């Protein structure tokens, strides 16, 4: 049977393995299985209800929820109703939710709980096309009805309505080029753009992963990444393609506990997850007294040295190589065994993406016998585009393109990608689409190189100033900088936001000397510029500005730490161009010690 859409994958699994477990989720304190047959039944029940409530083919339906099994059921039900899923991050503030819903022309919104519903109630008068909001869990506030409805009341609409024929018709109408989802990605200078993902795009991802033999039907994958992110959506589609078991973590805070309960064989995460594991292991190892602690420190040192040399196709000297071989057996193997138990004892490999993983972390886990594969891609390329391979993991690179995808380097060093996973374009934005889709190639905006010996792709820089945090969130620094400057009423003259590959956002600011003098007079303060910026009263003013800006931002964008510099930027000292634009890279380098201090453990 031909596979024209992702629902065909579900039906194929139901036909072949109806009683096999499709997913497991936590309920009443324990993990509960759901078979492929039961999953299909739940999807069709909700799909009938969506049709009954008024969802038409091609309608856009938004999901605003943390990662949970109901997210996947809702996603598949939207598709089964012939509609298009529009994911929205649960961390988005009301105005961001409004923008996505309005831009995508969303007709129905499915929210996890009251807190998410509240965001849409706050902007209800700005969303005339949204005819209803469905609340997954909890009771609906009385004054929110009938616009907001409980999931239970919606499910009741589809019971016994004789809509099975319509479901079959809508599924049959979905072809490979039908739109599956519109996934919004952060804009570098303006509003996010909606990336159009077709069924063909995601069917390709599932097919390519199958071709690599990366995942097996016997695998158990623990999922905790946000399903509004293209990385997690691709993992969802690979699950549908492979038919392994998808296990849902309760939350980011319970990952360690859930690892022990689920005992997964595969897990994907952003670098911050692996950084936490690494920090815990290193802190414990270095704190060990006596000879054991010294041996651990030496093993850690040699792991980094060995990794750095191997990245340049070189080797340790004979004495150091012998020492390292002994320490791998005596120290790192035991560390790896302990980590494996923390991971549940069955982990075959782990996958990281969304942001670069520090090579020293990847080297350490490799030397301890734990494999972490790194992937590269963008929302516009269905996330999974380039991937390191098991048994041939060249750390420091992101590996090779998936089967059927091509990569090349443009004359200016930009990475170009072409293949079946590339988006068809941006939603309602032909101009932006034309700027990045040229002669069949997608212009990534990243700078890279292809290793001369292995042919693996290495990311070296970003063409744009987009920040990608250690958690994999894309952040446009100019947006935050302009907000902080505008909120200060002229007090803050310059702001440079920092956070690429970091755990949180930070900033350095300079103050306008005239405004600073006025503030000093008002507060009865005197002294030079450097003396005034060191006064607690002045810092309090800047703190108040940052706090006000933070209140309107999702948590991952908020500025957690900042420093006021002792001198303003100038053309003479190099921080400003002749056009008075900030030289971002120079500032990051010049004040590297300040930024490093923000993140010191």
Protein backbone atom coordinates (compact mmCIF):
# COMPACT_ATOMS: atom_id res chain seq x y z
CA UNK A 1 0.00 0.00 0.00
CA UNK A 2 1.33 3.44 -0.95
CA UNK A 3 2.16 5.83 1.88
CA UNK A 4 0.68 9.21 0.97
CA UNK A 5 0.46 10.80 4.41
CA UNK A 6 1.52 10.17 7.99
CA UNK A 7 -1.86 8.63 8.87
CA UNK A 8 -1.02 5.79 6.49
CA UNK A 9 1.92 4.98 8.78
CA UNK A 10 -0.42 4.63 11.76
CA UNK A 11 -2.85 2.47 9.81
CA UNK A 12 0.01 0.24 8.64
CA UNK A 13 1.11 -0.37 12.23
CA UNK A 14 -2.46 -1.09 13.31
CA UNK A 15 -2.79 -3.63 10.51
CA UNK A 16 0.52 -5.33 11.27
CA UNK A 17 0.80 -5.01 15.08
CA UNK A 18 -2.51 -3.85 16.59
CA UNK A 19 -1.71 -5.04 20.12
CA UNK A 20 1.89 -3.80 20.20
CA UNK A 21 2.64 -0.86 22.49
CA UNK A 22 2.82 2.44 20.64
CA UNK A 23 3.51 4.73 23.58
CA UNK A 24 3.58 4.87 27.37
CA UNK A 25 2.63 7.75 29.64
CA UNK A 26 2.41 8.43 33.37
CA UNK A 27 -1.04 8.13 34.95
CA UNK A 28 -1.82 7.79 38.66
CA UNK A 29 1.83 7.36 39.51
CA UNK A 30 2.73 4.65 37.01
CA UNK A 31 3.43 4.28 33.31
CA UNK A 32 0.48 3.09 31.24
CA UNK A 33 0.79 1.57 27.74
CA UNK A 34 -1.30 2.51 24.73
CA UNK A 35 -1.36 0.09 21.79
CA UNK A 36 -1.35 1.12 18.15
CA UNK A 37 -4.99 0.07 17.87
CA UNK A 38 -5.96 2.10 20.95
CA UNK A 39 -3.98 5.10 19.68
CA UNK A 40 -5.76 4.97 16.32
CA UNK A 41 -9.15 4.78 18.08
CA UNK A 42 -8.39 7.82 20.27
CA UNK A 43 -7.18 9.77 17.27
CA UNK A 44 -10.32 9.00 15.27
CA UNK A 45 -12.58 9.82 18.22
CA UNK A 46 -11.02 13.27 18.61
CA UNK A 47 -10.94 13.79 14.84
CA UNK A 48 -14.69 13.13 14.63
CA UNK A 49 -15.19 15.66 17.42
CA UNK A 50 -13.11 18.27 15.61
CA UNK A 51 -15.25 17.81 12.53
CA UNK A 52 -18.39 18.05 14.66
CA UNK A 53 -17.22 21.29 16.28
CA UNK A 54 -16.66 22.83 12.85
CA UNK A 55 -13.07 22.13 11.72
CA UNK A 56 -12.97 22.03 7.91
CA UNK A 57 -10.29 20.57 5.61
CA UNK A 58 -7.29 22.88 5.44
CA UNK A 59 -8.19 24.77 8.65
CA UNK A 60 -5.29 25.63 10.89
CA UNK A 61 -5.55 24.34 14.46
CA UNK A 62 -3.05 25.42 17.12
CA UNK A 63 -1.72 23.32 20.00
CA UNK A 64 -0.34 25.13 23.06
CA UNK A 65 0.87 22.53 25.52
CA UNK A 66 3.86 20.98 27.19
CA UNK A 67 5.01 17.65 25.82
CA UNK A 68 2.54 14.93 26.77
CA UNK A 69 0.88 12.03 24.99
CA UNK A 70 -2.30 14.09 24.45
CA UNK A 71 -0.21 16.45 22.30
CA UNK A 72 0.52 13.64 19.85
CA UNK A 73 -3.08 12.38 19.89
CA UNK A 74 -4.31 15.92 19.19
CA UNK A 75 -1.74 16.42 16.43
CA UNK A 76 -2.77 13.21 14.65
CA UNK A 77 -6.46 14.01 15.14
CA UNK A 78 -6.01 17.42 13.53
CA UNK A 79 -4.43 15.71 10.54
CA UNK A 80 -7.16 13.05 10.48
CA UNK A 81 -9.74 15.85 10.29
CA UNK A 82 -7.93 17.13 7.19
CA UNK A 83 -6.60 20.18 9.02
CA UNK A 84 -3.12 21.63 9.64
CA UNK A 85 -1.31 21.64 13.00
CA UNK A 86 0.21 24.94 14.18
CA UNK A 87 2.37 24.35 17.27
CA UNK A 88 2.86 27.22 19.73
CA UNK A 89 5.39 27.10 22.56
CA UNK A 90 3.74 26.99 25.99
CA UNK A 91 6.41 29.46 27.14
CA UNK A 92 5.21 32.10 24.66
CA UNK A 93 3.57 35.18 26.12
CA UNK A 94 0.09 36.28 25.05
CA UNK A 95 1.21 38.64 22.28
CA UNK A 96 3.44 35.99 20.73
CA UNK A 97 0.56 33.51 20.81
CA UNK A 98 -1.68 36.11 19.22
CA UNK A 99 0.80 36.81 16.44
CA UNK A 100 1.21 33.14 15.46
CA UNK A 101 -2.52 32.43 15.62
CA UNK A 102 -3.35 35.53 13.59
CA UNK A 103 -0.61 35.05 11.00
CA UNK A 104 -1.49 31.40 10.45
CA UNK A 105 -5.22 32.14 10.31
CA UNK A 106 -5.87 29.69 13.15
CA UNK A 107 -9.53 28.69 13.54
CA UNK A 108 -9.34 26.55 16.69
CA UNK A 109 -6.86 26.46 19.59
CA UNK A 110 -6.22 23.48 21.86
CA UNK A 111 -4.62 24.55 25.17
CA UNK A 112 -3.19 22.38 27.92
CA UNK A 113 -4.75 24.15 30.91
CA UNK A 114 -6.20 27.37 32.32
CA UNK A 115 -2.89 29.20 32.29
CA UNK A 116 -2.51 28.68 28.54
CA UNK A 117 -6.16 29.51 27.90
CA UNK A 118 -5.65 32.76 29.78
CA UNK A 119 -3.19 33.97 27.16
CA UNK A 120 -5.86 33.71 24.47
CA UNK A 121 -8.57 35.24 26.64
CA UNK A 122 -6.26 38.25 27.04
CA UNK A 123 -6.14 38.79 23.26
CA UNK A 124 -9.53 37.37 22.31
CA UNK A 125 -10.75 40.56 20.64
CA UNK A 126 -7.69 40.44 18.33
CA UNK A 127 -8.42 36.91 17.07
CA UNK A 128 -11.74 37.14 15.23
CA UNK A 129 -11.00 33.99 13.17
CA UNK A 130 -10.66 31.75 16.25
CA UNK A 131 -14.14 30.34 16.83
CA UNK A 132 -13.28 28.25 19.92
CA UNK A 133 -10.60 27.25 22.41
CA UNK A 134 -10.45 23.70 23.79
CA UNK A 135 -8.94 23.15 27.24
CA UNK A 136 -7.25 19.74 27.62
CA UNK A 137 -7.26 19.51 31.41
CA UNK A 138 -9.17 21.03 34.32
CA UNK A 139 -12.39 22.95 34.56
CA UNK A 140 -13.08 25.97 32.38
CA UNK A 141 -13.66 29.32 34.05
CA UNK A 142 -17.37 30.09 33.95
CA UNK A 143 -16.99 33.51 32.34
CA UNK A 144 -14.83 32.00 29.56
CA UNK A 145 -17.60 29.80 28.19
CA UNK A 146 -18.85 29.13 25.54
CA UNK A 147 -15.73 30.33 23.64
CA UNK A 148 -13.61 28.02 25.81
CA UNK A 149 -14.74 24.40 26.11
CA UNK A 150 -13.47 21.39 28.00
CA UNK A 151 -11.92 18.52 26.08
CA UNK A 152 -14.61 16.23 27.53
CA UNK A 153 -17.44 18.31 26.11
CA UNK A 154 -15.78 18.40 22.69
CA UNK A 155 -15.22 14.63 22.67
CA UNK A 156 -18.91 14.15 23.43
CA UNK A 157 -19.76 15.97 20.19
CA UNK A 158 -18.09 13.28 18.12
CA UNK A 159 -19.71 10.31 19.84
CA UNK A 160 -22.15 8.45 17.62
CA UNK A 161 -22.35 11.16 14.97
CA UNK A 162 -21.74 8.86 12.01
CA UNK A 163 -18.69 10.78 10.83
CA UNK A 164 -16.53 7.74 10.02
CA UNK A 165 -17.17 8.22 6.31
CA UNK A 166 -15.96 11.82 6.47
CA UNK A 167 -12.78 10.72 8.26
CA UNK A 168 -12.01 8.24 5.50
CA UNK A 169 -12.70 10.84 2.83
CA UNK A 170 -10.47 13.44 4.48
CA UNK A 171 -7.62 10.97 4.92
CA UNK A 172 -7.92 9.89 1.27
CA UNK A 173 -7.69 13.53 0.20
CA UNK A 174 -4.33 14.01 1.95
CA UNK A 175 -1.44 13.57 -0.47
CA UNK A 176 2.32 13.94 -0.06
CA UNK A 177 2.20 17.66 -0.93
CA UNK A 178 -0.64 18.42 1.49
CA UNK A 179 0.40 20.73 4.33
CA UNK A 180 1.01 18.79 7.52
CA UNK A 181 2.10 21.60 9.82
CA UNK A 182 3.14 25.24 9.96
CA UNK A 183 5.99 25.57 12.43
CA UNK A 184 7.03 29.08 13.46
CA UNK A 185 10.69 29.89 13.86
CA UNK A 186 12.20 32.89 15.64
CA UNK A 187 12.97 35.84 13.38
CA UNK A 188 16.39 37.42 13.63
CA UNK A 189 15.18 40.99 13.43
CA UNK A 190 11.42 40.81 13.11
CA UNK A 191 8.47 38.55 13.70
CA UNK A 192 8.71 34.75 13.37
CA UNK A 193 7.97 33.14 10.02
CA UNK A 194 5.75 30.11 9.50
CA UNK A 195 7.60 27.20 7.93
CA UNK A 196 5.37 25.03 5.74
CA UNK A 197 6.03 21.34 6.32
CA UNK A 198 4.25 18.90 4.02
CA UNK A 199 3.49 15.22 4.56
CA UNK A 200 6.23 14.49 2.02
CA UNK A 201 8.80 16.39 4.09
CA UNK A 202 8.13 14.36 7.22
CA UNK A 203 7.61 11.05 5.44
CA UNK A 204 11.08 11.57 4.01
CA UNK A 205 12.56 12.11 7.48
CA UNK A 206 11.02 8.87 8.74
CA UNK A 207 12.15 6.99 5.64
CA UNK A 208 15.72 8.33 5.81
CA UNK A 209 16.14 7.38 9.48
CA UNK A 210 14.83 3.90 8.66
CA UNK A 211 17.34 3.63 5.83
CA UNK A 212 20.19 4.47 8.22
CA UNK A 213 19.00 1.76 10.62
CA UNK A 214 19.39 4.22 13.47
CA UNK A 215 16.16 3.27 15.28
CA UNK A 216 14.69 -0.18 15.72
CA UNK A 217 11.17 -1.39 16.47
CA UNK A 218 12.47 -2.74 19.79
CA UNK A 219 13.69 0.70 20.90
CA UNK A 220 12.11 2.74 23.70
CA UNK A 221 12.56 6.50 23.27
CA UNK A 222 12.11 8.92 26.17
CA UNK A 223 10.66 12.19 24.88
CA UNK A 224 10.72 15.45 26.83
CA UNK A 225 11.66 18.05 24.21
CA UNK A 226 8.93 20.61 23.39
CA UNK A 227 6.79 19.35 20.52
CA UNK A 228 6.43 22.91 19.26
CA UNK A 229 10.09 22.61 18.20
CA UNK A 230 10.87 21.02 14.85
CA UNK A 231 13.45 18.71 16.47
CA UNK A 232 10.80 17.01 18.60
CA UNK A 233 8.31 16.93 15.72
CA UNK A 234 10.87 15.08 13.62
CA UNK A 235 11.37 12.61 16.47
CA UNK A 236 7.60 12.13 16.51
CA UNK A 237 7.59 11.34 12.79
CA UNK A 238 10.53 8.95 13.11
CA UNK A 239 8.57 7.12 15.82
CA UNK A 240 5.66 6.78 13.41
CA UNK A 241 8.05 5.46 10.78
CA UNK A 242 9.85 2.96 12.97
CA UNK A 243 7.02 1.89 15.33
CA UNK A 244 9.22 1.77 18.42
CA UNK A 245 7.81 2.71 21.83
CA UNK A 246 7.53 6.42 22.60
CA UNK A 247 7.69 7.15 26.35
CA UNK A 248 6.70 10.58 27.64
CA UNK A 249 8.59 12.15 30.52
CA UNK A 250 6.34 13.86 33.05
CA UNK A 251 8.35 17.07 32.87
CA UNK A 252 11.88 18.37 32.49
CA UNK A 253 12.22 18.23 36.28
CA UNK A 254 11.45 14.49 36.46
CA UNK A 255 13.76 13.25 33.70
CA UNK A 256 16.12 11.47 36.11
CA UNK A 257 13.25 9.64 37.81
CA UNK A 258 11.55 8.79 34.51
CA UNK A 259 14.79 7.38 33.11
CA UNK A 260 14.79 4.79 35.86
CA UNK A 261 11.12 3.97 35.31
CA UNK A 262 11.12 3.78 31.52
CA UNK A 263 14.68 2.46 31.03
CA UNK A 264 14.88 3.86 27.47
CA UNK A 265 17.27 2.68 24.79
CA UNK A 266 17.31 6.02 22.95
CA UNK A 267 17.00 9.62 24.13
CA UNK A 268 17.34 12.96 22.40
CA UNK A 269 18.05 16.24 24.13
CA UNK A 270 19.49 19.69 23.69
CA UNK A 271 23.08 20.28 24.86
CA UNK A 272 21.98 21.69 28.22
CA UNK A 273 20.67 18.24 29.22
CA UNK A 274 24.04 16.65 28.58
CA UNK A 275 25.85 19.56 30.22
CA UNK A 276 23.97 18.79 33.43
CA UNK A 277 24.95 15.13 33.30
CA UNK A 278 28.56 16.10 32.61
CA UNK A 279 28.71 18.66 35.42
CA UNK A 280 27.27 16.20 37.94
CA UNK A 281 29.80 13.53 36.97
CA UNK A 282 32.78 15.90 36.96
CA UNK A 283 31.85 17.57 40.26
CA UNK A 284 31.58 14.18 41.93
CA UNK A 285 34.80 12.88 40.38
CA UNK A 286 36.91 15.91 41.27
CA UNK A 287 35.52 15.97 44.81
CA UNK A 288 36.67 12.40 45.44
CA UNK A 289 39.57 12.57 47.95
CA UNK A 290 42.96 11.00 47.54
CA UNK A 291 44.34 9.04 44.62
CA UNK A 292 40.92 8.36 43.03
CA UNK A 293 40.22 12.07 42.66
CA UNK A 294 43.66 12.70 41.16
CA UNK A 295 43.23 9.85 38.68
CA UNK A 296 39.84 11.20 37.64
CA UNK A 297 41.29 14.68 37.09
CA UNK A 298 44.06 13.23 34.95
CA UNK A 299 41.59 11.12 32.95
CA UNK A 300 39.50 14.22 32.32
CA UNK A 301 42.57 16.14 31.17
CA UNK A 302 43.73 13.39 28.82
CA UNK A 303 40.23 12.93 27.40
CA UNK A 304 40.19 16.58 26.32
CA UNK A 305 43.75 16.40 24.99
CA UNK A 306 43.06 13.18 23.07
CA UNK A 307 39.85 14.66 21.64
CA UNK A 308 41.54 17.86 20.51
CA UNK A 309 44.27 15.93 18.74
CA UNK A 310 41.88 13.48 17.10
CA UNK A 311 39.81 16.38 15.77
CA UNK A 312 42.88 17.39 13.77
CA UNK A 313 43.68 13.80 12.74
CA UNK A 314 46.57 13.55 15.20
CA UNK A 315 47.36 11.27 18.14
CA UNK A 316 48.68 11.37 21.68
CA UNK A 317 52.32 10.58 22.19
CA UNK A 318 53.14 6.94 23.05
CA UNK A 319 53.54 7.51 26.82
CA UNK A 320 50.41 9.65 27.11
CA UNK A 321 48.49 7.17 24.94
CA UNK A 322 49.45 4.31 27.25
CA UNK A 323 48.49 6.34 30.32
CA UNK A 324 45.17 7.26 28.75
CA UNK A 325 44.43 3.64 27.81
CA UNK A 326 44.95 2.59 31.44
CA UNK A 327 42.81 5.43 32.79
CA UNK A 328 39.99 4.63 30.37
CA UNK A 329 39.81 1.15 31.85
CA UNK A 330 40.42 2.04 35.49
CA UNK A 331 38.46 5.29 35.72
CA UNK A 332 36.33 6.23 32.73
CA UNK A 333 34.83 2.78 32.19
CA UNK A 334 33.56 2.79 35.79
CA UNK A 335 32.21 6.31 35.37
CA UNK A 336 30.44 5.24 32.19
CA UNK A 337 28.89 2.23 33.92
CA UNK A 338 27.56 4.46 36.70
CA UNK A 339 26.12 6.94 34.20
CA UNK A 340 24.49 4.09 32.28
CA UNK A 341 22.69 3.03 35.44
CA UNK A 342 21.43 6.59 35.90
CA UNK A 343 20.17 6.46 32.31
CA UNK A 344 18.23 3.29 33.05
CA UNK A 345 20.85 0.72 32.09
CA UNK A 346 19.73 0.09 28.48
CA UNK A 347 20.74 3.23 26.59
CA UNK A 348 22.14 2.38 23.13
CA UNK A 349 22.93 5.97 22.17
CA UNK A 350 21.74 9.52 22.70
CA UNK A 351 21.13 12.30 20.21
CA UNK A 352 21.72 16.03 20.58
CA UNK A 353 20.66 18.92 18.38
CA UNK A 354 19.22 22.42 18.39
CA UNK A 355 22.57 23.93 19.41
CA UNK A 356 26.23 22.82 19.32
CA UNK A 357 27.38 20.37 22.01
CA UNK A 358 30.71 21.26 23.62
CA UNK A 359 33.30 18.88 22.19
CA UNK A 360 34.88 18.18 25.59
CA UNK A 361 31.53 16.79 26.78
CA UNK A 362 31.15 14.57 23.72
CA UNK A 363 34.77 13.38 24.05
CA UNK A 364 34.35 12.57 27.73
CA UNK A 365 31.19 10.51 27.25
CA UNK A 366 32.71 8.75 24.24
CA UNK A 367 35.76 7.80 26.30
CA UNK A 368 33.43 6.57 29.06
CA UNK A 369 31.68 4.28 26.56
CA UNK A 370 28.55 6.36 25.97
CA UNK A 371 27.77 7.51 22.44
CA UNK A 372 26.16 10.89 21.79
CA UNK A 373 25.33 11.59 18.15
CA UNK A 374 25.04 15.19 17.00
CA UNK A 375 22.66 16.41 14.34
CA UNK A 376 22.21 19.64 12.44
CA UNK A 377 19.25 21.19 10.73
CA UNK A 378 16.81 24.06 10.85
CA UNK A 379 13.07 24.34 11.12
CA UNK A 380 13.10 25.02 7.37
CA UNK A 381 14.83 21.68 6.74
CA UNK A 382 12.59 19.52 8.95
CA UNK A 383 15.27 19.71 11.64
CA UNK A 384 16.92 16.35 10.90
CA UNK A 385 19.18 17.07 7.92
CA UNK A 386 22.76 16.19 8.77
CA UNK A 387 23.74 13.57 11.33
CA UNK A 388 26.81 11.85 12.72
CA UNK A 389 26.70 8.07 12.34
CA UNK A 390 26.96 5.33 14.94
CA UNK A 391 30.43 3.85 15.00
CA UNK A 392 31.76 6.68 12.83
CA UNK A 393 31.04 9.67 15.03
CA UNK A 394 33.54 12.39 14.18
CA UNK A 395 33.12 14.70 17.17
CA UNK A 396 33.43 18.35 16.26
CA UNK A 397 31.44 17.83 13.09
CA UNK A 398 27.70 17.28 12.60
CA UNK A 399 28.29 14.35 10.27
CA UNK A 400 26.87 13.73 6.82
CA UNK A 401 23.53 14.59 5.19
CA UNK A 402 20.72 12.06 5.46
CA UNK A 403 20.30 9.77 2.42
CA UNK A 404 18.76 11.84 -0.36
CA UNK A 405 19.95 15.21 1.01
CA UNK A 406 22.89 17.21 -0.35
CA UNK A 407 25.08 19.84 1.29
CA UNK A 408 27.55 22.26 -0.26
CA UNK A 409 29.45 25.37 0.71
CA UNK A 410 28.79 28.62 -1.17
CA UNK A 411 31.55 30.98 -2.23
CA UNK A 412 31.07 33.07 0.92
CA UNK A 413 31.20 30.00 3.17
CA UNK A 414 27.45 29.67 3.71
CA UNK A 415 26.05 26.15 4.05
CA UNK A 416 23.47 25.29 1.38
CA UNK A 417 21.14 22.30 1.64
CA UNK A 418 18.94 20.52 -0.88
CA UNK A 419 16.66 17.53 -0.42
CA UNK A 420 13.15 16.17 0.25
CA UNK A 421 13.08 17.55 3.81
CA UNK A 422 13.41 21.19 2.75
CA UNK A 423 10.31 23.33 3.30
CA UNK A 424 8.12 24.37 0.41
CA UNK A 425 8.26 27.96 1.67
CA UNK A 426 7.19 30.36 4.39
CA UNK A 427 3.48 30.75 5.07
CA UNK A 428 2.07 33.82 3.32
CA UNK A 429 5.58 35.21 2.77
CA UNK A 430 6.75 34.63 -0.83
CA UNK A 431 9.42 37.33 -0.61
CA UNK A 432 11.20 35.72 2.35
CA UNK A 433 10.81 32.31 0.70
CA UNK A 434 12.50 33.54 -2.47
CA UNK A 435 15.39 34.97 -0.44
CA UNK A 436 16.35 31.61 1.07
CA UNK A 437 15.23 29.13 -1.61
CA UNK A 438 17.49 29.65 -4.63
CA UNK A 439 17.71 27.19 -7.53
CA UNK A 440 16.45 24.40 -5.29
CA UNK A 441 18.99 25.09 -2.54
CA UNK A 442 18.13 26.39 0.93
CA UNK A 443 20.46 29.08 2.25
CA UNK A 444 20.96 28.22 5.93
CA UNK A 445 22.60 31.43 7.13
CA UNK A 446 25.28 29.30 8.81
CA UNK A 447 28.94 29.26 7.83
CA UNK A 448 30.71 25.93 7.59
CA UNK A 449 33.21 23.69 5.91
CA UNK A 450 33.40 20.11 4.73
CA UNK A 451 36.19 18.04 6.25
CA UNK A 452 38.71 17.20 3.54
CA UNK A 453 39.33 13.66 4.79
CA UNK A 454 35.94 12.42 6.02
CA UNK A 455 33.55 14.64 4.08
CA UNK A 456 31.72 15.51 7.32
CA UNK A 457 30.16 18.94 7.76
CA UNK A 458 31.56 21.30 10.36
CA UNK A 459 29.72 24.44 11.53
CA UNK A 460 32.16 27.30 12.08
CA UNK A 461 30.08 30.46 12.49
CA UNK A 462 26.74 32.14 11.96
CA UNK A 463 26.09 34.43 9.08
CA UNK A 464 23.57 36.28 11.19
CA UNK A 465 23.62 37.30 14.82
CA UNK A 466 20.97 34.82 15.90
CA UNK A 467 21.71 33.39 19.33
CA UNK A 468 21.04 29.70 20.01
CA UNK A 469 21.05 28.95 23.74
CA UNK A 470 22.24 25.69 25.30
CA UNK A 471 18.56 24.79 25.52
CA UNK A 472 18.18 25.09 21.75
CA UNK A 473 16.04 28.26 21.80
CA UNK A 474 16.60 30.73 18.96
CA UNK A 475 16.83 34.32 20.16
CA UNK A 476 17.26 37.53 18.19
CA UNK A 477 19.57 39.72 20.34
CA UNK A 478 18.62 42.99 18.63
CA UNK A 479 15.04 42.58 19.82
CA UNK A 480 16.07 42.32 23.47
CA UNK A 481 18.65 45.07 23.18
CA UNK A 482 16.17 47.51 21.67
CA UNK A 483 13.57 46.66 24.31
CA UNK A 484 16.02 47.36 27.12
CA UNK A 485 17.25 50.62 25.62
CA UNK A 486 13.75 51.88 24.87
CA UNK A 487 12.46 50.93 28.32
CA UNK A 488 15.24 52.93 30.02
CA UNK A 489 14.06 56.28 28.66
CA UNK A 490 17.52 57.16 27.41
CA UNK A 491 19.51 56.05 30.46
CA UNK A 492 20.96 52.95 28.72
CA UNK A 493 22.93 53.98 25.64
CA UNK A 494 24.09 50.54 24.50
CA UNK A 495 23.17 46.97 25.35
CA UNK A 496 24.81 43.80 24.06
CA UNK A 497 23.01 40.57 24.83
CA UNK A 498 25.03 37.39 25.25
CA UNK A 499 23.96 33.76 25.49
CA UNK A 500 25.03 31.72 22.48
CA UNK A 501 25.48 28.10 23.66
CA UNK A 502 24.91 29.36 27.20
CA UNK A 503 22.38 28.30 29.85
CA UNK A 504 20.71 31.70 30.05
CA UNK A 505 20.82 35.20 28.62
CA UNK A 506 23.07 37.92 30.01
CA UNK A 507 24.08 41.40 28.94
CA UNK A 508 26.53 44.25 29.30
CA UNK A 509 25.20 47.81 29.16
CA UNK A 510 26.60 51.30 28.96
CA UNK A 511 24.83 54.41 30.22
CA UNK A 512 24.30 57.74 28.55
CA UNK A 513 26.51 60.18 30.43
CA UNK A 514 24.02 63.05 30.28
CA UNK A 515 21.16 60.93 31.59
CA UNK A 516 23.47 59.47 34.23
CA UNK A 517 24.40 62.95 35.46
CA UNK A 518 20.72 63.88 35.70
CA UNK A 519 20.00 60.72 37.65
CA UNK A 520 22.93 61.55 39.95
CA UNK A 521 21.56 65.01 40.67
CA UNK A 522 18.11 63.57 41.39
CA UNK A 523 19.57 61.03 43.80
CA UNK A 524 22.15 63.39 45.35
CA UNK A 525 25.08 61.51 43.82
CA UNK A 526 28.31 62.91 42.42
CA UNK A 527 31.50 61.60 40.89
CA UNK A 528 32.93 60.49 37.56
CA UNK A 529 31.12 58.25 35.09
CA UNK A 530 33.01 55.19 36.37
CA UNK A 531 32.21 56.10 39.97
CA UNK A 532 28.52 56.71 39.31
CA UNK A 533 27.91 53.43 37.45
CA UNK A 534 29.31 51.62 40.48
CA UNK A 535 26.75 53.12 42.87
CA UNK A 536 23.98 50.74 44.04
CA UNK A 537 21.33 53.38 43.33
CA UNK A 538 22.33 53.45 39.66
CA UNK A 539 22.42 49.69 39.42
CA UNK A 540 18.96 49.63 40.97
CA UNK A 541 17.64 51.82 38.16
CA UNK A 542 19.05 49.45 35.53
CA UNK A 543 17.74 46.42 37.40
CA UNK A 544 14.27 47.92 37.33
CA UNK A 545 14.50 48.36 33.55
CA UNK A 546 15.63 44.77 33.03
CA UNK A 547 12.87 43.46 35.31
CA UNK A 548 10.21 45.38 33.40
CA UNK A 549 11.44 44.01 30.09
CA UNK A 550 11.70 40.47 31.48
CA UNK A 551 8.06 40.51 32.55
CA UNK A 552 6.99 40.63 28.92
CA UNK A 553 9.30 37.87 27.71
CA UNK A 554 9.16 34.06 27.74
CA UNK A 555 11.50 32.65 30.41
CA UNK A 556 14.21 31.54 27.99
CA UNK A 557 14.62 35.10 26.64
CA UNK A 558 14.86 36.88 29.99
CA UNK A 559 18.12 38.54 31.03
CA UNK A 560 19.31 36.74 34.16
CA UNK A 561 22.54 38.70 34.79
CA UNK A 562 24.04 41.96 33.57
CA UNK A 563 26.96 44.30 34.15
CA UNK A 564 27.26 48.06 33.72
CA UNK A 565 30.54 48.86 31.97
CA UNK A 566 32.82 51.55 33.36
CA UNK A 567 33.05 53.44 30.05
CA UNK A 568 30.78 54.06 27.09
CA UNK A 569 31.45 52.46 23.72
CA UNK A 570 33.18 54.62 21.14
CA UNK A 571 34.59 54.55 17.63
CA UNK A 572 38.05 55.22 19.03
CA UNK A 573 38.06 52.23 21.37
CA UNK A 574 36.62 50.03 18.64
CA UNK A 575 33.25 48.94 20.00
CA UNK A 576 31.37 51.17 17.52
CA UNK A 577 31.62 51.38 13.74
CA UNK A 578 31.73 54.75 12.00
CA UNK A 579 27.97 54.37 11.58
CA UNK A 580 27.78 53.96 15.39
CA UNK A 581 26.71 50.33 15.13
CA UNK A 582 27.97 47.98 17.83
CA UNK A 583 30.67 45.49 16.81
CA UNK A 584 29.09 42.50 18.51
CA UNK A 585 31.95 40.05 18.10
CA UNK A 586 34.49 42.55 19.38
CA UNK A 587 32.37 43.28 22.45
CA UNK A 588 31.96 39.56 23.15
CA UNK A 589 35.72 39.11 22.93
CA UNK A 590 36.75 42.27 24.77
CA UNK A 591 34.46 41.57 27.72
CA UNK A 592 34.79 37.80 27.64
CA UNK A 593 35.89 37.70 31.30
CA UNK A 594 32.72 39.47 32.40
CA UNK A 595 30.52 37.10 30.43
CA UNK A 596 32.45 34.08 31.69
CA UNK A 597 31.88 35.28 35.24
CA UNK A 598 28.14 35.26 34.71
CA UNK A 599 28.21 31.52 33.96
CA UNK A 600 30.82 30.40 36.49
CA UNK A 601 29.36 27.60 38.61
